[in-house]
Each structure stands twice: as C-alpha cells, then as structure tokens.
Amino acid sequence: MEIEPSPIEALMPDAASDPERVADHALARINGNDSRNSYLTVDETWTRDQAGRLAGKQGDTDKPLYGLPIALKDCFDLEGFVTTAGSRFYARHNVPASEDSWVAAQLKAAGAIITGKTHMQMLAYGITGENRDYGDCLQPEDSTSLTGGSSSGSAAAVQEGSAIAAIGTDTGGSIRAPAALCGLAGYRASLGMGDWRGGTHLAQSFDTIGWLCRDLRDLRRLARALFHLRDAVHDKATQLRVAVLSGRMLNDCDAPVLASMAAWKELIKRAGTDINEIQPDLWADAFSIYAPLQAVEAARLHAGFFDEFEPVIADRLRWGASLKPAEIIEWKSRHQSLARQTEALFAQADFLLLPAVPMQRLVAGEDQSAQRPRILHFTTPASLAGLPAVVLPGHPGLQLLAAHGDDSRLLAFATRLGVILATESAS
C-alpha cells in the first residue's frame, strides 16, 4: 500500500527543479473564486522575478519552503507594497512598505515564492469573510458559501491552488473559522510566538500568527519554517490523553458538526489515545469577556478613523472607546481568571477537542450578524488563554487545543493523525 504524499511533499520536486514553472502555475489560479478577490494585491512580474532569482540559487534547495508558492495575509508589510488591512482607507492612507515585516522576511529566508497579499475582513475584525470595500470572499470550491474570516483570502488561495499554504492571523478565531469552513488544515501558534514587527494588530493581547494548508502532515514543516520550532520529544511509553467537549455547548451545533466530531473522535482513538469528556461551564462567559477587551484595544489602534470603516466595525470601535477604566479592569480580571481555569484543564488532558464552528457553512448573501457570536462562543476560550490550536480538516473541521507553549507536541500529534488519515484513505 502506497500512501499519497502530502501536497507540499508532492510539489517539492517541481519546486526544486523549476520554481519559475511552479510560480506560473500558481499565478494562473489567482482569484479563481467567483468573487475574484482571493487576493487584494498581486504583481505577477514581481512574483516571477522572485522565482527567477530562486532558480539561479540551486544551492538553496534545502531551504524548507524553497520554490513553494505561499500567500501572505494583507495585514503584514511586504517591501514595496501597501498594506491595506482590508480597508480602502488604509490602501489610500498608507505608503508602500520600506521593508519586509518579520513574517515576510521569514518566508523569503525559507525560500518561499510569495504569490501576493490576500483578502481579509476589514481590520481583521470579523469572522465571516465579508468586506464592504473589497467584496465578500467566496469559496473557490463552492460559490454559494463564504470562506469565513478574517483570513478569508488565505483560505481561498489554498482552495484555488494559487498557494500551497498561506499565512493567516487568529485573534478570536480568524484562522480556525476559515480553515474549518473551507475543509482545510490550520495552525494558530501560541500567543507571543513569532514577531509582529511590520504587522497590523487588531488586539495585541490576543493576536497570533499561523498557517492554512490542505494537509495536517504539512503543518509541522510550515511551523518550522516560520517559527523555527524544534520537534517535540515524546515518551512512547506515555499514552496521550484527549479530552472531548460534551454537554450544553454542543446544543448549538448543527448535525454535520456533531458528525464531524464523532468521526474525528474515532480516528483519534485509533491513534492509541486515552479519550475522556469535559464540560467546561466556565467557557459560557468567554465571548462576553473577550468582546469588550478586543474592542478596547482595536479602538485605540484605529482612533480618529472610525467613520472610515464599515458601520458594523465602526460601531464596535466606538463601543470599545466608550468603555470606562473601571469596566476594563473588571473585564481583565475575569479574563485572567478564565485563562487560569482553562490552562488547568491540561492537568487532566494533553489536548482538548471541540468544534471550531457550530455550522457547516455560511451562505453567501445571507445576513451573518447572528453567526459571529455563535462562532466566537467556540473559538474565544482558546483566544483568552493564548492557546495553540490545530484545525482538523472536515466538513466542517474541528479544533484541537494544547496548553500554551506546547505547540511542538500539538503539531507532532497532528502529523500523526494526518498519517493515519492518509493511510486509511489509501487502503
């Protein structure tokens, strides 16, 4: 029985031998969704020049992302290009970046071919993939469904094949939601991992960096390339423990979500783990704690410009600006308490498994205002505790959480699950 290589493994020989051809193939697929907006900025000549320079440096083929087409979310500076943060106001207001963000510099150093800067929800302040200025981002594989956000174009770029992987950010769920809704794998790093120099924050207390791709087996390579993570050392004599969410939180989940939970639970069992259930009632307050703290920080970052943004975002910013110091102190106290209690869950489990989103899809053109709190109900517990997360792909995908800083072990386990999934698909 021969197991199919992961998408990155399959592309690497071509990327090493002919990065220019790989770049041409990627560029031909750009903005392949019906909304024609996977990317906000594309310069085909610039991207081909990158590939051409790589082709002249065959000694660099051992770099982890050599010749691979990678999309960059448009909240990170790329030398020579304007960073819009998903807003036409900032597209006009900002000047071209004089140097690369830390993220872009890491991609270049790893040998990546940057295909462009992707669509995102305005200011990264949303979870659905809608954007008044640049249009709502539709899934390339299903034009009736939104990608989810705010890393909307990053998900679309991977789906359409213009990028083998894409950089995303996750404040309250902005990698996890689009990955889960688009059937992709995703990785949100622990809070504080990486460097935000040259990046546009939404809420610094919660902003994290990460990846979207198609296959769990590729996440570890991507994390190594960006964060220089070392592999986890696992004691094979120790059985891993996975705690699966149960109880009242699941009452809001649609049937396909529960079916995905059941399927992944069985696969995790086949990985030889010990499974138990958790019912963390403390998470019921997560969104109500997170929302005002996020709004306060976002309002400070965009002070003076509220009227330049779409009304729903402007209203959140005004609300954040209106909160009194005593209120903020109370929210911060509750935040710290919930974070401590969430971290305590890892005394009884190595990883936590729960839905990333409570629905299978977001229907394009419908009013999504009620969906934001529904999704954030599931994603904000990890955001408040700064936890790393992997999205297990499915229809929809799920999130697997680890303790803060336990990224390497989480990625190793995700790789193990990806191998099992690939093996079973081949049989």
Foldseek 3Di string as FASTA:
>chain_A
DDFDDDPCVVCLVVLLQQLLVLLVVLLVLQLLAPLSALAPDFDSVVLSVLRVVLNVPSVLSVQLAASFEEEEALQFADAPAQRAQQAVVSNVVTDHDNHGFLQVVLCVVSNYRYGHHGAFARNQPFWQQAHPPRGRQAASVDRQFGLTARNRSQLNSQRSVSGQKYKDKCQLQGFPRSCQQSLWKWKWAFQPQADQGRGRDQANLQITMIMIHHFLLCRVSVCCSRRVDDADDDDPVDAAEEEEEDDDLLVLADPQQVVQSVVVVVLVVVLVHHYHYDHPPLLQCLCVLPQLSSLLRNLVSCPPCLVSGDVVNSVSNVSNVPDDPVVNVVSVVSLVVLLVVVLVVCVVGFKYKDAQARYLGHGPPDDCVVRRVRNSSPRRSCSSNSWMWMWDGDSGTIIMTGHRPCVNVVSVVSSSSRVSVSVVVVD
